[in-house]
C-alpha atoms as a PDB file:
ATOM      1  CA  MET A   1     -49.849  13.345 -23.554  1.00  0.00           C
ATOM      2  CA  GLU A   2     -46.025  13.179 -22.839  1.00  0.00           C
ATOM      3  CA  LYS A   3     -45.793   9.413 -24.259  1.00  0.00           C
ATOM      4  CA  PHE A   4     -47.816  10.696 -27.572  1.00  0.00           C
ATOM      5  CA  VAL A   5     -44.947  13.421 -27.980  1.00  0.00           C
ATOM      6  CA  GLN A   6     -42.225  11.009 -27.353  1.00  0.00           C
ATOM      7  CA  ASN A   7     -43.791   8.419 -29.889  1.00  0.00           C
ATOM      8  CA  ARG A   8     -44.186  11.264 -32.367  1.00  0.00           C
ATOM      9  CA  LYS A   9     -40.799  12.420 -32.075  1.00  0.00           C
ATOM     10  CA  GLU A  10     -39.583   8.786 -32.683  1.00  0.00           C
ATOM     11  CA  PHE A  11     -42.003   8.496 -35.644  1.00  0.00           C
ATOM     12  CA  ASP A  12     -40.700  11.823 -37.142  1.00  0.00           C
ATOM     13  CA  GLY A  13     -37.085  10.573 -36.591  1.00  0.00           C
ATOM     14  CA  LEU A  14     -36.018  13.159 -34.361  1.00  0.00           C
ATOM     15  CA  MET A  15     -34.636  10.394 -31.855  1.00  0.00           C
ATOM     16  CA  SER A  16     -32.143   9.078 -34.239  1.00  0.00           C
ATOM     17  CA  ASP A  17     -30.723  12.504 -35.311  1.00  0.00           C
ATOM     18  CA  LYS A  18     -27.553  13.608 -34.307  1.00  0.00           C
ATOM     19  CA  LEU A  19     -27.289  17.085 -32.748  1.00  0.00           C
ATOM     20  CA  TYR A  20     -24.023  18.764 -33.287  1.00  0.00           C
ATOM     21  CA  THR A  21     -22.583  21.559 -31.068  1.00  0.00           C
ATOM     22  CA  THR A  22     -21.636  24.740 -32.944  1.00  0.00           C
ATOM     23  CA  LYS A  23     -18.111  23.895 -32.823  1.00  0.00           C
ATOM     24  CA  GLN A  24     -18.842  20.523 -34.342  1.00  0.00           C
ATOM     25  CA  LEU A  25     -21.196  22.128 -37.124  1.00  0.00           C
ATOM     26  CA  ASP A  26     -18.243  24.698 -38.018  1.00  0.00           C
ATOM     27  CA  SER A  27     -15.834  21.767 -38.489  1.00  0.00           C
ATOM     28  CA  LEU A  28     -18.137  19.726 -40.378  1.00  0.00           C
ATOM     29  CA  SER A  29     -18.686  22.763 -42.921  1.00  0.00           C
ATOM     30  CA  SER A  30     -15.222  23.263 -43.338  1.00  0.00           C
ATOM     31  CA  ILE A  31     -14.775  19.758 -44.528  1.00  0.00           C
ATOM     32  CA  ALA A  32     -17.777  19.923 -46.804  1.00  0.00           C
ATOM     33  CA  GLY A  33     -16.148  20.854 -49.998  1.00  0.00           C
ATOM     34  CA  PHE A  34     -17.773  21.962 -53.366  1.00  0.00           C
ATOM     35  CA  ALA A  35     -19.083  18.721 -54.427  1.00  0.00           C
ATOM     36  CA  ASP A  36     -21.049  18.155 -51.102  1.00  0.00           C
ATOM     37  CA  ARG A  37     -22.690  21.406 -51.098  1.00  0.00           C
ATOM     38  CA  ASN A  38     -23.340  21.239 -55.022  1.00  0.00           C
ATOM     39  CA  TRP A  39     -24.838  17.857 -54.169  1.00  0.00           C
ATOM     40  CA  ALA A  40     -26.805  19.385 -51.325  1.00  0.00           C
ATOM     41  CA  LEU A  41     -28.285  22.386 -53.619  1.00  0.00           C
ATOM     42  CA  GLY A  42     -29.360  19.760 -56.116  1.00  0.00           C
ATOM     43  CA  GLN A  43     -31.415  17.813 -53.760  1.00  0.00           C
ATOM     44  CA  LEU A  44     -33.511  20.890 -52.981  1.00  0.00           C
ATOM     45  CA  SER A  45     -35.552  20.045 -55.985  1.00  0.00           C
ATOM     46  CA  TYR A  46     -36.610  16.878 -54.486  1.00  0.00           C
ATOM     47  CA  ASN A  47     -39.525  16.094 -52.036  1.00  0.00           C
ATOM     48  CA  VAL A  48     -38.857  13.707 -48.844  1.00  0.00           C
ATOM     49  CA  ASP A  49     -40.511  10.901 -50.442  1.00  0.00           C
ATOM     50  CA  GLY A  50     -38.343  11.317 -53.537  1.00  0.00           C
ATOM     51  CA  THR A  51     -40.428  12.738 -55.928  1.00  0.00           C
ATOM     52  CA  ARG A  52     -39.526  15.721 -58.134  1.00  0.00           C
ATOM     53  CA  ASP A  53     -40.587  19.201 -56.618  1.00  0.00           C
ATOM     54  CA  ASN A  54     -41.040  20.976 -60.029  1.00  0.00           C
ATOM     55  CA  ASN A  55     -41.495  24.432 -58.364  1.00  0.00           C
ATOM     56  CA  THR A  56     -38.241  24.360 -56.396  1.00  0.00           C
ATOM     57  CA  ALA A  57     -36.523  22.899 -59.378  1.00  0.00           C
ATOM     58  CA  MET A  58     -37.819  25.689 -61.827  1.00  0.00           C
ATOM     59  CA  ALA A  59     -36.753  28.278 -59.253  1.00  0.00           C
ATOM     60  CA  VAL A  60     -33.148  26.999 -59.110  1.00  0.00           C
ATOM     61  CA  THR A  61     -32.909  26.767 -62.733  1.00  0.00           C
ATOM     62  CA  PHE A  62     -34.401  30.524 -62.843  1.00  0.00           C
ATOM     63  CA  ILE A  63     -31.702  31.598 -60.317  1.00  0.00           C
ATOM     64  CA  GLY A  64     -28.894  29.939 -61.923  1.00  0.00           C
ATOM     65  CA  LEU A  65     -29.849  31.483 -65.275  1.00  0.00           C
ATOM     66  CA  LEU A  66     -30.375  34.778 -63.650  1.00  0.00           C
ATOM     67  CA  PHE A  67     -26.623  34.645 -62.307  1.00  0.00           C
ATOM     68  CA  ILE A  68     -25.256  33.560 -65.710  1.00  0.00           C
ATOM     69  CA  PHE A  69     -27.163  36.485 -67.223  1.00  0.00           C
ATOM     70  CA  PHE A  70     -25.877  39.055 -64.956  1.00  0.00           C
ATOM     71  CA  GLU A  71     -22.198  37.558 -65.143  1.00  0.00           C
ATOM     72  CA  CYS A  72     -22.362  37.740 -68.786  1.00  0.00           C
ATOM     73  CA  LEU A  73     -24.164  41.102 -69.191  1.00  0.00           C
ATOM     74  CA  PRO A  74     -21.018  43.423 -68.971  1.00  0.00           C
ATOM     75  CA  VAL A  75     -19.441  41.334 -71.753  1.00  0.00           C
ATOM     76  CA  PHE A  76     -22.588  41.679 -74.072  1.00  0.00           C
ATOM     77  CA  VAL A  77     -22.802  45.563 -73.564  1.00  0.00           C
ATOM     78  CA  LYS A  78     -19.244  45.955 -74.436  1.00  0.00           C
ATOM     79  CA  LEU A  79     -19.587  43.905 -77.650  1.00  0.00           C
ATOM     80  CA  MET A  80     -22.549  45.949 -78.652  1.00  0.00           C
ATOM     81  CA  SER A  81     -21.353  49.387 -77.832  1.00  0.00           C
ATOM     82  CA  SER A  82     -18.884  51.477 -80.079  1.00  0.00           C
ATOM     83  CA  SER A  83     -15.463  52.123 -79.506  1.00  0.00           C
ATOM     84  CA  GLY A  84     -14.829  55.085 -76.932  1.00  0.00           C
ATOM     85  CA  PRO A  85     -11.846  56.973 -75.901  1.00  0.00           C
ATOM     86  CA  TYR A  86     -10.780  54.109 -73.390  1.00  0.00           C
ATOM     87  CA  ASP A  87     -10.581  51.671 -76.360  1.00  0.00           C
ATOM     88  CA  TYR A  88      -8.273  53.940 -78.474  1.00  0.00           C
ATOM     89  CA  ALA A  89      -6.104  54.833 -75.304  1.00  0.00           C
ATOM     90  CA  ILE A  90      -5.600  50.815 -74.823  1.00  0.00           C
ATOM     91  CA  LYS A  91      -4.787  50.626 -78.696  1.00  0.00           C
ATOM     92  CA  ASN A  92      -2.422  53.403 -78.559  1.00  0.00           C
ATOM     93  CA  ILE A  93      -0.633  51.749 -75.589  1.00  0.00           C
ATOM     94  CA  GLU A  94      -0.481  48.405 -77.256  1.00  0.00           C
ATOM     95  CA  ILE A  95       1.092  49.999 -80.362  1.00  0.00           C
ATOM     96  CA  VAL A  96       3.750  51.707 -78.195  1.00  0.00           C
ATOM     97  CA  GLN A  97       4.439  48.457 -76.408  1.00  0.00           C
ATOM     98  CA  GLN A  98       4.847  46.676 -79.767  1.00  0.00           C
ATOM     99  CA  HIS A  99       7.219  49.461 -81.256  1.00  0.00           C
ATOM    100  CA  GLN A 100       9.357  49.292 -77.970  1.00  0.00           C
ATOM    101  CA  SER A 101       9.623  45.367 -78.072  1.00  0.00           C
ATOM    102  CA  ASP A 102      10.569  45.556 -81.657  1.00  0.00           C
ATOM    103  CA  LYS A 103      13.336  48.016 -80.908  1.00  0.00           C
ATOM    104  CA  ASN A 104      14.288  46.040 -78.087  1.00  0.00           C
ATOM    105  CA  LYS A 105      14.435  42.923 -80.195  1.00  0.00           C
ATOM    106  CA  ASP A 106      16.717  44.756 -82.710  1.00  0.00           C
ATOM    107  CA  TYR A 107      19.163  46.402 -79.854  1.00  0.00           C
ATOM    108  CA  GLU A 108      19.597  42.861 -78.787  1.00  0.00           C
ATOM    109  CA  MET A 109      20.336  41.466 -82.145  1.00  0.00           C
ATOM    110  CA  LYS A 110      22.853  43.914 -82.791  1.00  0.00           C
ATOM    111  CA  PHE A 111      24.475  43.473 -79.274  1.00  0.00           C
ATOM    112  CA  MET A 112      24.818  39.695 -79.728  1.00  0.00           C
ATOM    113  CA  MET A 113      26.306  40.130 -83.251  1.00  0.00           C
ATOM    114  CA  ALA A 114      28.912  42.612 -81.809  1.00  0.00           C
ATOM    115  CA  PHE A 115      29.816  40.381 -78.949  1.00  0.00           C
ATOM    116  CA  THR A 116      30.049  37.142 -81.254  1.00  0.00           C
ATOM    117  CA  LYS A 117      32.619  39.133 -83.503  1.00  0.00           C
ATOM    118  CA  LEU A 118      34.698  39.992 -80.531  1.00  0.00           C
ATOM    119  CA  ARG A 119      34.922  36.327 -79.227  1.00  0.00           C
END
């Protein structure tokens, strides 16, 4: 029975796999960048024999589209809603800042004109 289990392990490839310690796994995961992780996620939609697993591929696509939808949802809600008090307050702040900027520019120009006349 032990020989059968040993042969089965060899057949499944368990004897050729490297087993890493927790410390080694941590160091390997810190080396793996975005491209490695993205590649690994892309491989989830394939079976071991190389055929495409449509169920997993559809699930990955659905989850990706769900994340995109939730990320874009606040923007769509803001674009579809009418202007509220916050929007008017922001508009007023922008108008005040533009006015102050114009006044600062006029002051700077007068100061520079007076400075150049003194030279």
